Amino acid sequence: MLMNEKLLKLGIPAGSLQESTGELFRKAGYKITFASRSYYPTIDDPEVHCTLIRAQEMPRYVQDASLDCGLTGYDWILENDAKVKELTELVFSKVSKRPVRWVLAVPNDSPVQNVKDLQGKRIATEVVNVTRRWLAQNGVEAHVEFSWGATEVKPPRLADAIVEVTETGSSLRANNLRIVADLLQSTTRFITNDRSYADPWKKQKMDDMVLMLRGAMAAEGKVGLMMNVPKERLSTVLKVLPALQNPTVSGLSNPVWVAVNTIIDENTVRHIVPQLKQAGAYGIVEYPLNKIID
């Protein structure tokens, strides 16, 4: 398969984002299957070859065109100072739909209160380059060392402070650490390189994939609602629906009735459906959405 000239080499982030990436692709219409001992997931598209790569390394392999494209965090693009092309932002993570944060944290009883207090201190982190640039921007000189993991347990004996990624802050609090400052927020990006994107076939393949992934992201937390409404009750029913939505209203075989179809936030369904029923809607059906393509 690798000898096929029309082959898109796609990098899938290994680790914490692996399963959520696979789920996003499934919603976008691609079936990716992970085998327990293989770094080459299968995908139901013979023109795509997948490779599992740590998100930290993804920008380098995409930059040198070892991979045509891949998913990685904005933080790792910055850390590698990678010359890559971002095709889209995909806001999802292993815990929430919020961006992850890289923060400076210190023990609760540390005298460090701001970035200036880090002068001459030792900082452990996985994002050494990001941290050094941030310190330089603030006019602070400190010793920044790479952390191979378990960064939260290093202060105060092995480091004065850490720069660590967090979504909820719960792990930091559990290790008696407090956040002093935010360095950056990061979301997942779909990246490529100029060489691959200059190939018309690969460009089209990637653009199509991004379109479907964006459609899957747009459908997150949304559901469809369809219902039948007597024409005399239509204005009342439409007032119940969110003001920013533009429902589709179409005629039925019975001229005194219309069908109304709309998309709403899933967390509002339980509030809106009883109101729709009271307003005169009948046959209300809620259905799931995989993709919304604008």
Protein backbone atom coordinates (compact mmCIF):
# COMPACT_ATOMS: atom_id res chain seq x y z
CA MET A 1 0.00 0.00 0.00
CA LEU A 2 2.87 2.37 0.75
CA MET A 3 3.94 2.25 -2.91
CA ASN A 4 0.65 3.77 -4.01
CA GLU A 5 1.39 7.21 -5.48
CA LYS A 6 -1.99 8.48 -4.33
CA LEU A 7 -1.53 7.95 -0.63
CA LEU A 8 -2.04 10.46 2.16
CA LYS A 9 0.19 9.86 5.20
CA LEU A 10 -1.84 10.86 8.25
CA GLY A 11 -0.45 11.16 11.77
CA ILE A 12 -2.77 10.24 14.65
CA PRO A 13 -1.74 11.49 18.10
CA ALA A 14 -0.88 8.61 20.42
CA GLY A 15 -1.73 8.74 24.09
CA SER A 16 -4.41 10.85 25.73
CA LEU A 17 -5.89 12.19 22.47
CA GLN A 18 -5.91 8.84 20.64
CA GLU A 19 -9.41 7.68 21.51
CA SER A 20 -11.03 11.10 21.19
CA THR A 21 -9.37 11.51 17.79
CA GLY A 22 -10.69 8.14 16.68
CA GLU A 23 -14.18 9.10 17.87
CA LEU A 24 -14.03 12.42 16.01
CA PHE A 25 -13.00 10.67 12.80
CA ARG A 26 -15.82 8.15 13.27
CA LYS A 27 -18.35 10.99 13.51
CA ALA A 28 -16.75 12.53 10.43
CA GLY A 29 -17.37 9.30 8.49
CA TYR A 30 -13.98 7.55 8.81
CA LYS A 31 -13.58 4.29 10.70
CA ILE A 32 -10.17 4.11 12.40
CA THR A 33 -9.32 0.88 14.21
CA PHE A 34 -6.53 0.72 16.78
CA ALA A 35 -4.71 -2.55 17.37
CA SER A 36 -3.15 -3.05 20.81
CA ARG A 37 0.43 -3.63 19.61
CA SER A 38 0.48 -1.74 16.33
CA TYR A 39 1.53 1.82 15.57
CA TYR A 40 -0.36 1.70 12.27
CA PRO A 41 -4.11 2.02 12.81
CA THR A 42 -6.32 0.91 9.95
CA ILE A 43 -8.75 3.29 8.28
CA ASP A 44 -11.55 2.47 5.87
CA ASP A 45 -10.00 4.58 3.12
CA PRO A 46 -7.36 2.81 0.98
CA GLU A 47 -5.89 6.19 0.03
CA VAL A 48 -4.95 7.07 3.63
CA HIS A 49 -2.18 5.49 5.71
CA CYS A 50 -2.24 6.18 9.45
CA THR A 51 0.67 6.27 11.88
CA LEU A 52 0.46 6.71 15.64
CA ILE A 53 2.91 9.39 16.74
CA ARG A 54 3.17 11.28 20.02
CA ALA A 55 1.61 14.72 19.67
CA GLN A 56 4.89 16.19 20.96
CA GLU A 57 6.73 14.85 17.90
CA MET A 58 4.02 15.31 15.29
CA PRO A 59 5.02 18.84 14.16
CA ARG A 60 8.57 17.73 13.29
CA TYR A 61 7.46 14.78 11.18
CA VAL A 62 4.85 16.87 9.37
CA GLN A 63 7.32 19.71 8.88
CA ASP A 64 9.84 17.48 7.07
CA ALA A 65 7.03 15.74 5.07
CA SER A 66 7.63 12.33 6.64
CA LEU A 67 3.90 12.72 7.26
CA ASP A 68 1.65 14.71 4.96
CA CYS A 69 -0.61 15.83 7.78
CA GLY A 70 -1.54 15.13 11.36
CA LEU A 71 -3.27 16.29 14.49
CA THR A 72 -1.31 17.91 17.30
CA GLY A 73 -1.60 20.64 19.87
CA TYR A 74 -0.79 24.27 19.25
CA ASP A 75 1.55 23.96 22.25
CA TRP A 76 3.70 21.38 20.47
CA ILE A 77 3.86 23.48 17.32
CA LEU A 78 5.29 26.30 19.43
CA GLU A 79 7.59 24.02 21.43
CA ASN A 80 9.12 22.60 18.23
CA ASP A 81 9.11 25.99 16.50
CA ALA A 82 7.70 23.99 13.61
CA LYS A 83 7.14 25.47 10.16
CA VAL A 84 3.79 23.87 9.44
CA LYS A 85 0.53 24.99 7.90
CA GLU A 86 -2.56 24.90 10.14
CA LEU A 87 -5.64 23.87 8.17
CA THR A 88 -8.12 24.06 11.04
CA GLU A 89 -8.54 24.21 14.80
CA LEU A 90 -10.32 21.29 16.45
CA VAL A 91 -11.39 22.20 19.97
CA PHE A 92 -11.49 18.90 21.80
CA SER A 93 -9.42 17.27 24.52
CA LYS A 94 -9.31 14.19 26.71
CA VAL A 95 -11.49 15.69 29.47
CA SER A 96 -13.42 18.67 28.20
CA LYS A 97 -14.14 20.73 25.12
CA ARG A 98 -12.11 23.61 26.54
CA PRO A 99 -8.55 24.50 25.52
CA VAL A 100 -5.84 23.05 27.74
CA ARG A 101 -3.69 25.47 29.73
CA TRP A 102 0.03 25.47 30.38
CA VAL A 103 0.49 27.04 33.79
CA LEU A 104 3.26 27.89 36.20
CA ALA A 105 2.62 26.14 39.52
CA VAL A 106 4.43 26.12 42.83
CA PRO A 107 3.88 24.45 46.22
CA ASN A 108 1.14 26.09 48.28
CA ASP A 109 3.67 27.36 50.83
CA SER A 110 6.15 28.67 48.23
CA PRO A 111 7.15 32.35 48.48
CA VAL A 112 6.81 32.66 44.68
CA GLN A 113 3.88 34.97 43.90
CA ASN A 114 4.67 36.13 40.35
CA VAL A 115 7.02 35.57 37.44
CA LYS A 116 9.66 37.96 38.82
CA ASP A 117 10.07 35.72 41.87
CA LEU A 118 11.40 32.95 39.59
CA GLN A 119 14.76 34.70 39.13
CA GLY A 120 17.47 32.07 39.63
CA LYS A 121 14.95 29.31 40.42
CA ARG A 122 14.77 25.80 38.97
CA ILE A 123 11.73 25.00 36.81
CA ALA A 124 10.78 21.52 35.56
CA THR A 125 8.62 21.17 32.48
CA GLU A 126 8.04 19.29 29.25
CA VAL A 127 7.77 22.55 27.27
CA VAL A 128 11.30 23.82 27.79
CA ASN A 129 11.38 26.17 24.81
CA VAL A 130 7.96 27.67 25.53
CA THR A 131 8.97 28.27 29.15
CA ARG A 132 12.33 29.83 28.27
CA ARG A 133 10.69 32.21 25.78
CA TRP A 134 8.07 33.20 28.36
CA LEU A 135 10.72 33.89 30.99
CA ALA A 136 12.76 35.94 28.52
CA GLN A 137 9.68 38.00 27.63
CA ASN A 138 9.36 38.82 31.32
CA GLY A 139 13.05 39.57 31.79
CA VAL A 140 13.64 36.63 34.13
CA GLU A 141 16.58 34.22 34.11
CA ALA A 142 15.92 30.78 35.58
CA HIS A 143 17.15 27.23 35.13
CA VAL A 144 14.62 25.32 33.00
CA GLU A 145 15.05 21.56 32.79
CA PHE A 146 13.16 18.94 30.84
CA SER A 147 10.79 16.74 32.82
CA TRP A 148 10.21 13.20 31.60
CA GLY A 149 6.93 12.88 33.47
CA ALA A 150 5.37 12.98 36.95
CA THR A 151 6.19 16.68 36.94
CA GLU A 152 3.72 17.47 39.74
CA VAL A 153 5.74 15.54 42.33
CA LYS A 154 9.02 17.38 41.73
CA PRO A 155 8.45 20.53 43.81
CA PRO A 156 9.84 21.41 46.23
CA ARG A 157 12.72 18.91 46.45
CA LEU A 158 13.62 18.56 42.77
CA ALA A 159 12.35 21.90 41.45
CA ASP A 160 11.14 25.23 42.78
CA ALA A 161 8.32 25.40 40.25
CA ILE A 162 6.83 23.54 37.32
CA VAL A 163 5.18 24.48 34.06
CA GLU A 164 2.52 21.87 33.47
CA VAL A 165 -0.54 21.29 31.32
CA THR A 166 -3.95 21.23 32.97
CA GLU A 167 -7.60 21.23 32.04
CA THR A 168 -9.33 21.36 35.41
CA GLY A 169 -6.44 21.98 37.81
CA SER A 170 -7.51 19.01 39.94
CA SER A 171 -4.20 17.16 39.61
CA LEU A 172 -2.26 20.25 40.68
CA ARG A 173 -4.47 20.77 43.71
CA ALA A 174 -4.16 17.09 44.63
CA ASN A 175 -0.39 17.57 44.77
CA ASN A 176 -0.64 20.69 46.93
CA LEU A 177 0.30 23.03 44.12
CA ARG A 178 -1.16 26.42 43.26
CA ILE A 179 -1.20 28.21 39.92
CA VAL A 180 0.84 31.40 39.71
CA ALA A 181 0.45 32.31 36.03
CA ASP A 182 -0.83 31.08 32.69
CA LEU A 183 1.70 30.72 29.87
CA LEU A 184 -0.58 29.75 27.00
CA GLN A 185 -3.80 28.05 25.96
CA SER A 186 -3.67 25.25 23.43
CA THR A 187 -6.14 23.46 21.19
CA THR A 188 -5.74 20.66 18.68
CA ARG A 189 -4.76 21.67 15.15
CA PHE A 190 -4.86 19.78 11.85
CA ILE A 191 -1.50 20.55 10.27
CA THR A 192 0.30 19.93 7.00
CA ASN A 193 3.42 21.19 5.22
CA ASP A 194 3.83 23.35 2.12
CA ARG A 195 5.25 20.47 0.08
CA SER A 196 2.30 18.14 0.68
CA TYR A 197 -0.26 20.92 0.34
CA ALA A 198 1.22 21.90 -3.03
CA ASP A 199 0.24 18.47 -4.39
CA PRO A 200 -3.25 19.00 -5.89
CA TRP A 201 -4.45 15.48 -5.04
CA LYS A 202 -3.20 15.59 -1.45
CA LYS A 203 -4.56 19.11 -0.99
CA GLN A 204 -8.03 18.02 -2.10
CA LYS A 205 -7.84 14.93 0.09
CA MET A 206 -6.88 16.99 3.14
CA ASP A 207 -9.42 19.72 2.44
CA ASP A 208 -12.17 17.10 2.17
CA MET A 209 -11.06 15.49 5.42
CA VAL A 210 -10.96 18.85 7.22
CA LEU A 211 -14.43 19.69 5.93
CA MET A 212 -15.82 16.47 7.42
CA LEU A 213 -13.93 16.89 10.70
CA ARG A 214 -15.18 20.46 11.06
CA GLY A 215 -18.69 19.22 10.33
CA ALA A 216 -18.35 16.62 13.08
CA MET A 217 -17.08 19.26 15.50
CA ALA A 218 -19.95 21.59 14.61
CA ALA A 219 -22.43 18.84 15.49
CA GLU A 220 -20.99 18.33 18.98
CA GLY A 221 -23.66 19.03 21.57
CA LYS A 222 -26.34 19.61 18.92
CA VAL A 223 -29.48 17.63 18.06
CA GLY A 224 -32.16 17.92 15.44
CA LEU A 225 -35.84 18.50 16.23
CA MET A 226 -38.70 17.97 13.81
CA MET A 227 -42.39 18.35 14.51
CA ASN A 228 -45.76 18.94 12.90
CA VAL A 229 -47.55 22.19 13.66
CA PRO A 230 -50.99 23.55 12.75
CA LYS A 231 -50.49 26.68 10.66
CA GLU A 232 -52.55 28.68 13.12
CA ARG A 233 -50.06 27.78 15.88
CA LEU A 234 -46.85 28.26 13.83
CA SER A 235 -45.93 31.72 15.09
CA THR A 236 -46.40 30.59 18.70
CA VAL A 237 -44.19 27.53 18.17
CA LEU A 238 -41.45 29.53 16.42
CA LYS A 239 -41.27 31.92 19.38
CA VAL A 240 -40.31 28.98 21.60
CA LEU A 241 -37.32 28.06 19.45
CA PRO A 242 -33.96 29.84 20.01
CA ALA A 243 -33.95 33.26 18.40
CA LEU A 244 -30.70 32.70 16.46
CA GLN A 245 -31.94 29.53 14.74
CA ASN A 246 -33.60 29.52 11.32
CA PRO A 247 -35.93 26.53 11.30
CA THR A 248 -37.06 24.98 8.05
CA VAL A 249 -40.82 25.17 7.55
CA SER A 250 -42.35 23.01 4.82
CA GLY A 251 -45.84 22.12 3.74
CA LEU A 252 -47.57 18.78 4.35
CA SER A 253 -50.22 16.93 2.38
CA ASN A 254 -52.75 18.37 4.79
CA PRO A 255 -52.79 22.09 3.87
CA VAL A 256 -53.57 23.25 7.41
CA TRP A 257 -50.39 21.69 8.82
CA VAL A 258 -46.66 22.37 8.32
CA ALA A 259 -43.49 20.51 9.27
CA VAL A 260 -40.84 22.35 11.26
CA ASN A 261 -37.22 21.15 11.36
CA THR A 262 -34.46 22.80 13.36
CA ILE A 263 -31.14 22.25 15.16
CA ILE A 264 -30.71 23.18 18.82
CA ASP A 265 -28.27 22.67 21.69
CA GLU A 266 -28.78 19.26 23.26
CA ASN A 267 -28.80 20.66 26.78
CA THR A 268 -31.85 22.81 26.00
CA VAL A 269 -34.06 20.00 24.67
CA ARG A 270 -35.57 19.10 28.04
CA HIS A 271 -36.66 22.70 28.52
CA ILE A 272 -37.90 23.41 25.00
CA VAL A 273 -39.85 20.24 24.15
CA PRO A 274 -42.52 20.72 26.86
CA GLN A 275 -42.91 24.34 25.73
CA LEU A 276 -43.26 23.24 22.10
CA LYS A 277 -45.92 20.74 23.08
CA GLN A 278 -47.81 23.39 25.01
CA ALA A 279 -47.49 25.80 22.07
CA GLY A 280 -49.26 23.35 19.76
CA ALA A 281 -46.54 21.14 18.22
CA TYR A 282 -47.27 17.44 17.61
CA GLY A 283 -45.18 14.41 16.70
CA ILE A 284 -41.99 15.97 18.10
CA VAL A 285 -38.95 13.89 17.18
CA GLU A 286 -35.41 14.41 18.49
CA TYR A 287 -32.60 12.89 16.41
CA PRO A 288 -28.81 12.80 16.79
CA LEU A 289 -26.41 14.63 14.45
CA ASN A 290 -23.02 13.41 13.25
CA LYS A 291 -22.09 16.37 11.08
CA ILE A 292 -23.21 19.90 10.29
CA ILE A 293 -21.72 21.20 7.04
CA ASP A 294 -22.11 24.92 6.39
